[in-house]
């Protein structure tokens, strides 16, 4: 059997709601799965809503909220919402990095985005929720 670590299963489809970005307008129509070397399989269920990468508008010319990193951003949002039961924000950032790598995001862009989520993203530890 082929190693399935650090890989996404399948493509994803979205429904877009006519709401502000901070209200997470993008809804998954089908679940997505990412196989992580840190925690195993992560499943983001159908119906989950995201805003993709929460990049401040000032930085949109450098890093867009959507793009090649889209699936990784969905997984990171899910981890921030659901994983504090089993992980912390630093591990979530590491999983975000490996998910972006699996999607072919360049090293420099990955590192910049990981620094941004570590500094500006939600801070949580195991057991917070």
Protein backbone atom coordinates (compact mmCIF):
# COMPACT_ATOMS: atom_id res chain seq x y z
CA UNK A 1 0.00 0.00 0.00
CA UNK A 2 1.29 3.45 -0.92
CA UNK A 3 2.25 5.87 1.89
CA UNK A 4 -0.62 8.31 2.33
CA UNK A 5 1.02 10.77 4.74
CA UNK A 6 0.91 14.46 3.82
CA UNK A 7 -1.65 14.05 1.06
CA UNK A 8 -5.15 15.27 0.34
CA UNK A 9 -7.86 12.95 -0.91
CA UNK A 10 -9.79 14.21 -3.91
CA UNK A 11 -10.86 17.66 -4.99
CA UNK A 12 -13.29 19.96 -3.27
CA UNK A 13 -16.44 21.84 -4.24
CA UNK A 14 -17.78 24.92 -2.54
CA UNK A 15 -21.03 26.77 -2.19
CA UNK A 16 -20.54 30.53 -1.84
CA UNK A 17 -22.89 32.44 0.45
CA UNK A 18 -23.51 36.15 -0.12
CA UNK A 19 -22.13 37.29 3.25
CA UNK A 20 -19.08 39.23 4.44
CA UNK A 21 -15.75 37.41 4.46
CA UNK A 22 -15.65 37.43 8.27
CA UNK A 23 -18.88 35.37 8.23
CA UNK A 24 -17.12 32.55 6.35
CA UNK A 25 -18.94 32.59 3.03
CA UNK A 26 -17.41 29.41 1.57
CA UNK A 27 -19.16 26.13 2.45
CA UNK A 28 -17.74 22.68 1.66
CA UNK A 29 -20.16 20.59 -0.37
CA UNK A 30 -18.12 17.39 0.18
CA UNK A 31 -15.79 16.48 3.01
CA UNK A 32 -12.05 16.77 2.44
CA UNK A 33 -9.35 14.66 4.06
CA UNK A 34 -5.71 15.40 4.73
CA UNK A 35 -3.28 12.73 5.92
CA UNK A 36 -0.86 14.43 8.33
CA UNK A 37 2.39 13.05 9.71
CA UNK A 38 1.53 14.78 13.01
CA UNK A 39 -1.98 13.56 13.78
CA UNK A 40 -3.00 11.11 11.06
CA UNK A 41 -6.13 11.68 9.01
CA UNK A 42 -7.97 14.97 9.39
CA UNK A 43 -11.49 15.07 7.95
CA UNK A 44 -13.20 18.40 7.40
CA UNK A 45 -16.90 17.59 6.97
CA UNK A 46 -19.29 18.72 4.30
CA UNK A 47 -21.14 21.83 5.46
CA UNK A 48 -18.07 23.35 7.15
CA UNK A 49 -17.71 27.07 6.38
CA UNK A 50 -14.43 28.89 5.90
CA UNK A 51 -12.99 32.22 4.82
CA UNK A 52 -9.85 30.46 3.49
CA UNK A 53 -6.70 32.26 4.65
CA UNK A 54 -7.49 35.15 6.98
CA UNK A 55 -4.98 37.53 5.43
CA UNK A 56 -5.39 41.21 6.38
CA UNK A 57 -6.49 43.24 3.35
CA UNK A 58 -3.25 45.25 3.43
CA UNK A 59 -1.30 42.08 2.49
CA UNK A 60 -3.67 40.80 -0.25
CA UNK A 61 -1.30 41.93 -3.02
CA UNK A 62 1.40 39.70 -1.55
CA UNK A 63 -0.68 36.74 -0.29
CA UNK A 64 -4.25 36.21 -1.42
CA UNK A 65 -6.82 34.64 0.91
CA UNK A 66 -7.49 32.07 -1.84
CA UNK A 67 -5.12 30.21 -4.12
CA UNK A 68 -3.03 27.06 -4.23
CA UNK A 69 -3.05 27.04 -0.41
CA UNK A 70 -6.89 26.93 -0.25
CA UNK A 71 -7.33 23.36 0.98
CA UNK A 72 -4.59 23.88 3.58
CA UNK A 73 -6.36 27.02 4.83
CA UNK A 74 -9.60 25.05 5.20
CA UNK A 75 -7.80 22.39 7.24
CA UNK A 76 -6.17 25.07 9.41
CA UNK A 77 -9.53 26.78 10.03
CA UNK A 78 -10.99 23.40 11.01
CA UNK A 79 -8.09 22.72 13.38
CA UNK A 80 -8.55 26.12 15.03
CA UNK A 81 -12.26 25.46 15.48
CA UNK A 82 -12.26 21.78 16.39
CA UNK A 83 -8.78 20.50 17.24
CA UNK A 84 -8.11 22.26 20.57
CA UNK A 85 -9.49 19.05 22.00
CA UNK A 86 -6.39 17.24 20.64
CA UNK A 87 -3.77 19.79 19.49
CA UNK A 88 -2.50 23.33 20.08
CA UNK A 89 -2.06 26.35 17.80
CA UNK A 90 1.63 25.60 17.15
CA UNK A 91 0.89 22.08 15.95
CA UNK A 92 -2.00 23.43 13.86
CA UNK A 93 0.49 25.83 12.22
CA UNK A 94 2.85 22.91 11.51
CA UNK A 95 0.01 20.91 9.96
CA UNK A 96 -0.91 23.99 7.87
CA UNK A 97 2.71 24.06 6.64
CA UNK A 98 2.79 20.38 5.69
CA UNK A 99 -0.63 20.70 3.99
CA UNK A 100 0.63 23.63 1.91
CA UNK A 101 3.75 21.65 1.01
CA UNK A 102 1.54 18.75 -0.17
CA UNK A 103 -0.26 21.26 -2.41
CA UNK A 104 2.98 22.53 -3.95
CA UNK A 105 3.05 25.95 -2.26
CA UNK A 106 6.55 27.44 -2.44
CA UNK A 107 8.81 27.26 0.61
CA UNK A 108 8.99 31.06 1.09
CA UNK A 109 5.20 31.51 0.84
CA UNK A 110 4.63 28.63 3.27
CA UNK A 111 7.03 30.05 5.81
CA UNK A 112 5.49 33.55 5.53
CA UNK A 113 1.97 32.18 5.99
CA UNK A 114 2.99 29.99 8.94
CA UNK A 115 4.59 32.98 10.66
CA UNK A 116 1.38 34.96 10.04
CA UNK A 117 -0.85 32.30 11.62
CA UNK A 118 1.50 31.92 14.58
CA UNK A 119 1.47 35.67 15.22
CA UNK A 120 -2.03 36.69 14.14
CA UNK A 121 -4.05 33.49 14.36
CA UNK A 122 -6.01 32.21 17.35
CA UNK A 123 -3.97 30.99 20.29
CA UNK A 124 -5.21 27.79 21.91
CA UNK A 125 -3.84 24.81 23.78
CA UNK A 126 -5.00 21.24 24.12
CA UNK A 127 -8.27 21.05 26.00
CA UNK A 128 -9.34 24.68 25.47
CA UNK A 129 -12.70 23.78 23.93
